[in-house]
Amino acid sequence: QAICRDLLADAMVRLEALGFDIVMTVHDEIVVECPEGSAAGVLRVMEDVMRMAPAWAAGFPIAVEGFLTSRYGKEAF
């Protein structure tokens, strides 16, 4: 769990550096707000960034599955 938390934190730093507006995290999720018209592209970029393992975790299996929703929930509405 600690390694996964560190991977999440690393992804958050990289996403913020790209200008993403992170509004919260929940367990293994990063929640951002963005204009509805750009949401699909934002999701693709987020998934790509979150799949990138830092050098210290090279080879660590990372799976990412995001979803779009107009209100936060544990799954897409």
N, C-alpha and C. Protein backbone atom coordinates (compact mmCIF):
# COMPACT_ATOMS: atom_id res chain seq x y z
N GLN A 1 0.81 -1.19 0.00
CA GLN A 1 0.00 0.00 0.00
C GLN A 1 0.86 1.26 0.00
N ALA A 2 1.96 1.21 0.70
CA ALA A 2 2.82 2.40 0.78
C ALA A 2 3.42 2.73 -0.59
N ILE A 3 3.82 1.72 -1.32
CA ILE A 3 4.39 1.97 -2.66
C ILE A 3 3.32 2.56 -3.57
N CYS A 4 2.12 2.02 -3.51
CA CYS A 4 1.04 2.53 -4.36
C CYS A 4 0.69 3.97 -4.00
N ARG A 5 0.73 4.30 -2.72
CA ARG A 5 0.49 5.68 -2.31
C ARG A 5 1.58 6.59 -2.86
N ASP A 6 2.83 6.13 -2.83
CA ASP A 6 3.93 6.93 -3.37
C ASP A 6 3.80 7.11 -4.88
N LEU A 7 3.33 6.08 -5.58
CA LEU A 7 3.09 6.21 -7.02
C LEU A 7 1.99 7.22 -7.29
N LEU A 8 0.93 7.20 -6.48
CA LEU A 8 -0.16 8.16 -6.63
C LEU A 8 0.35 9.58 -6.39
N ALA A 9 1.12 9.77 -5.33
CA ALA A 9 1.66 11.10 -5.02
C ALA A 9 2.57 11.60 -6.13
N ASP A 10 3.38 10.71 -6.70
CA ASP A 10 4.26 11.09 -7.81
C ASP A 10 3.43 11.53 -9.01
N ALA A 11 2.37 10.80 -9.31
CA ALA A 11 1.50 11.17 -10.42
C ALA A 11 0.83 12.52 -10.16
N MET A 12 0.44 12.77 -8.92
CA MET A 12 -0.18 14.05 -8.59
C MET A 12 0.76 15.22 -8.84
N VAL A 13 2.01 15.06 -8.47
CA VAL A 13 3.00 16.12 -8.70
C VAL A 13 3.15 16.38 -10.20
N ARG A 14 3.23 15.31 -10.98
CA ARG A 14 3.37 15.47 -12.43
C ARG A 14 2.12 16.09 -13.05
N LEU A 15 0.94 15.69 -12.59
CA LEU A 15 -0.30 16.27 -13.12
C LEU A 15 -0.41 17.75 -12.77
N GLU A 16 -0.08 18.11 -11.54
CA GLU A 16 -0.12 19.53 -11.16
C GLU A 16 0.87 20.35 -11.99
N ALA A 17 2.03 19.79 -12.28
CA ALA A 17 3.02 20.49 -13.10
C ALA A 17 2.49 20.72 -14.52
N LEU A 18 1.58 19.87 -14.96
CA LEU A 18 0.96 20.03 -16.28
C LEU A 18 -0.24 20.97 -16.23
N GLY A 19 -0.59 21.46 -15.04
CA GLY A 19 -1.68 22.42 -14.91
C GLY A 19 -3.03 21.82 -14.54
N PHE A 20 -3.07 20.54 -14.18
CA PHE A 20 -4.33 19.93 -13.78
C PHE A 20 -4.78 20.48 -12.44
N ASP A 21 -6.10 20.67 -12.29
CA ASP A 21 -6.70 21.19 -11.07
C ASP A 21 -7.20 20.01 -10.23
N ILE A 22 -6.33 19.45 -9.40
CA ILE A 22 -6.71 18.33 -8.55
C ILE A 22 -7.54 18.87 -7.40
N VAL A 23 -8.75 18.35 -7.27
CA VAL A 23 -9.64 18.82 -6.21
C VAL A 23 -9.69 17.89 -5.02
N MET A 24 -9.34 16.61 -5.23
CA MET A 24 -9.27 15.68 -4.11
C MET A 24 -8.69 14.35 -4.56
N THR A 25 -8.32 13.55 -3.59
CA THR A 25 -7.96 12.17 -3.84
C THR A 25 -8.80 11.30 -2.91
N VAL A 26 -9.11 10.11 -3.37
CA VAL A 26 -9.87 9.15 -2.58
C VAL A 26 -9.20 7.80 -2.80
N HIS A 27 -8.57 7.29 -1.76
CA HIS A 27 -7.86 6.02 -1.84
C HIS A 27 -6.87 6.05 -3.01
N ASP A 28 -7.19 5.39 -4.11
CA ASP A 28 -6.28 5.31 -5.25
C ASP A 28 -6.76 6.16 -6.43
N GLU A 29 -7.60 7.15 -6.17
CA GLU A 29 -8.16 7.99 -7.22
C GLU A 29 -7.68 9.42 -7.11
N ILE A 30 -7.49 10.03 -8.27
CA ILE A 30 -7.22 11.46 -8.36
C ILE A 30 -8.42 12.08 -9.05
N VAL A 31 -9.01 13.08 -8.43
CA VAL A 31 -10.20 13.73 -8.98
C VAL A 31 -9.81 15.14 -9.43
N VAL A 32 -10.13 15.47 -10.69
CA VAL A 32 -9.85 16.81 -11.21
C VAL A 32 -11.14 17.40 -11.77
N GLU A 33 -11.15 18.71 -11.85
CA GLU A 33 -12.23 19.42 -12.54
C GLU A 33 -11.68 19.96 -13.84
N CYS A 34 -12.51 19.91 -14.87
CA CYS A 34 -12.10 20.46 -16.17
C CYS A 34 -13.37 20.80 -16.95
N PRO A 35 -13.24 21.61 -17.99
CA PRO A 35 -14.40 21.90 -18.82
C PRO A 35 -14.92 20.62 -19.47
N GLU A 36 -16.24 20.50 -19.56
CA GLU A 36 -16.85 19.28 -20.09
C GLU A 36 -16.35 18.96 -21.51
N GLY A 37 -16.15 19.98 -22.31
CA GLY A 37 -15.73 19.76 -23.70
C GLY A 37 -14.34 19.18 -23.85
N SER A 38 -13.51 19.31 -22.82
CA SER A 38 -12.16 18.77 -22.90
C SER A 38 -11.96 17.54 -22.03
N ALA A 39 -13.03 17.04 -21.43
CA ALA A 39 -12.91 15.97 -20.44
C ALA A 39 -12.30 14.69 -21.00
N ALA A 40 -12.67 14.28 -22.19
CA ALA A 40 -12.13 13.03 -22.76
C ALA A 40 -10.62 13.13 -22.96
N GLY A 41 -10.16 14.26 -23.46
CA GLY A 41 -8.72 14.46 -23.64
C GLY A 41 -7.99 14.54 -22.32
N VAL A 42 -8.58 15.21 -21.35
CA VAL A 42 -8.00 15.31 -20.01
C VAL A 42 -7.85 13.91 -19.41
N LEU A 43 -8.88 13.10 -19.55
CA LEU A 43 -8.82 11.74 -19.01
C LEU A 43 -7.70 10.94 -19.66
N ARG A 44 -7.56 11.03 -20.98
CA ARG A 44 -6.48 10.29 -21.67
C ARG A 44 -5.11 10.71 -21.16
N VAL A 45 -4.90 12.01 -21.01
CA VAL A 45 -3.61 12.50 -20.51
C VAL A 45 -3.38 12.03 -19.08
N MET A 46 -4.41 12.14 -18.25
CA MET A 46 -4.27 11.68 -16.86
C MET A 46 -3.89 10.21 -16.79
N GLU A 47 -4.57 9.38 -17.58
CA GLU A 47 -4.25 7.96 -17.58
C GLU A 47 -2.82 7.71 -18.02
N ASP A 48 -2.37 8.42 -19.06
CA ASP A 48 -0.99 8.26 -19.53
C ASP A 48 0.01 8.66 -18.45
N VAL A 49 -0.24 9.80 -17.80
CA VAL A 49 0.67 10.28 -16.75
C VAL A 49 0.70 9.30 -15.58
N MET A 50 -0.47 8.80 -15.21
CA MET A 50 -0.54 7.89 -14.06
C MET A 50 0.10 6.53 -14.35
N ARG A 51 0.20 6.15 -15.62
CA ARG A 51 0.85 4.89 -15.99
C ARG A 51 2.38 4.98 -15.96
N MET A 52 2.91 6.17 -15.96
CA MET A 52 4.37 6.35 -16.00
C MET A 52 4.96 6.05 -14.63
N ALA A 53 5.78 5.03 -14.57
CA ALA A 53 6.44 4.69 -13.31
C ALA A 53 7.67 5.58 -13.13
N PRO A 54 7.88 6.11 -11.93
CA PRO A 54 9.11 6.84 -11.67
C PRO A 54 10.31 5.87 -11.76
N ALA A 55 11.51 6.41 -11.88
CA ALA A 55 12.70 5.58 -12.04
C ALA A 55 12.85 4.56 -10.92
N TRP A 56 12.50 4.93 -9.71
CA TRP A 56 12.67 4.01 -8.58
C TRP A 56 11.68 2.85 -8.61
N ALA A 57 10.65 2.94 -9.47
CA ALA A 57 9.64 1.88 -9.56
C ALA A 57 9.63 1.23 -10.95
N ALA A 58 10.75 1.32 -11.66
CA ALA A 58 10.83 0.74 -13.00
C ALA A 58 10.43 -0.73 -12.96
N GLY A 59 9.52 -1.09 -13.85
CA GLY A 59 9.06 -2.46 -13.92
C GLY A 59 7.89 -2.79 -13.02
N PHE A 60 7.52 -1.86 -12.13
CA PHE A 60 6.38 -2.10 -11.23
C PHE A 60 5.11 -2.07 -12.07
N PRO A 61 4.25 -3.07 -11.94
CA PRO A 61 3.03 -3.09 -12.76
C PRO A 61 2.04 -2.01 -12.30
N ILE A 62 1.68 -1.15 -13.23
CA ILE A 62 0.73 -0.07 -12.92
C ILE A 62 -0.43 -0.17 -13.89
N ALA A 63 -1.63 -0.30 -13.36
CA ALA A 63 -2.85 -0.32 -14.18
C ALA A 63 -3.67 0.92 -13.84
N VAL A 64 -4.24 1.53 -14.86
CA VAL A 64 -5.04 2.74 -14.67
C VAL A 64 -6.35 2.58 -15.42
N GLU A 65 -7.44 2.93 -14.76
CA GLU A 65 -8.75 2.91 -15.41
C GLU A 65 -9.53 4.11 -14.90
N GLY A 66 -9.66 5.12 -15.74
CA GLY A 66 -10.37 6.32 -15.35
C GLY A 66 -11.78 6.34 -15.89
N PHE A 67 -12.55 7.31 -15.43
CA PHE A 67 -13.91 7.50 -15.95
C PHE A 67 -14.31 8.95 -15.81
N LEU A 68 -15.29 9.34 -16.60
CA LEU A 68 -15.81 10.70 -16.60
C LEU A 68 -17.18 10.71 -15.93
N THR A 69 -17.41 11.75 -15.15
CA THR A 69 -18.71 11.92 -14.52
C THR A 69 -18.90 13.40 -14.19
N SER A 70 -20.13 13.82 -14.14
CA SER A 70 -20.40 15.24 -13.82
C SER A 70 -20.43 15.47 -12.32
N ARG A 71 -20.56 14.41 -11.54
CA ARG A 71 -20.52 14.48 -10.07
C ARG A 71 -19.69 13.32 -9.58
N TYR A 72 -18.97 13.53 -8.50
CA TYR A 72 -18.10 12.47 -7.99
C TYR A 72 -18.92 11.28 -7.49
N GLY A 73 -18.44 10.11 -7.78
CA GLY A 73 -19.02 8.86 -7.30
C GLY A 73 -17.96 7.78 -7.48
N LYS A 74 -18.15 6.63 -6.91
CA LYS A 74 -17.17 5.56 -7.00
C LYS A 74 -17.16 4.90 -8.37
N GLU A 75 -18.11 5.20 -9.21
CA GLU A 75 -18.11 4.72 -10.59
C GLU A 75 -18.89 5.70 -11.43
N ALA A 76 -18.72 5.59 -12.73
CA ALA A 76 -19.42 6.51 -13.63
C ALA A 76 -20.93 6.35 -13.51
N PHE A 77 -21.65 7.43 -13.61
CA PHE A 77 -23.11 7.39 -13.52
C PHE A 77 -23.69 7.07 -14.88
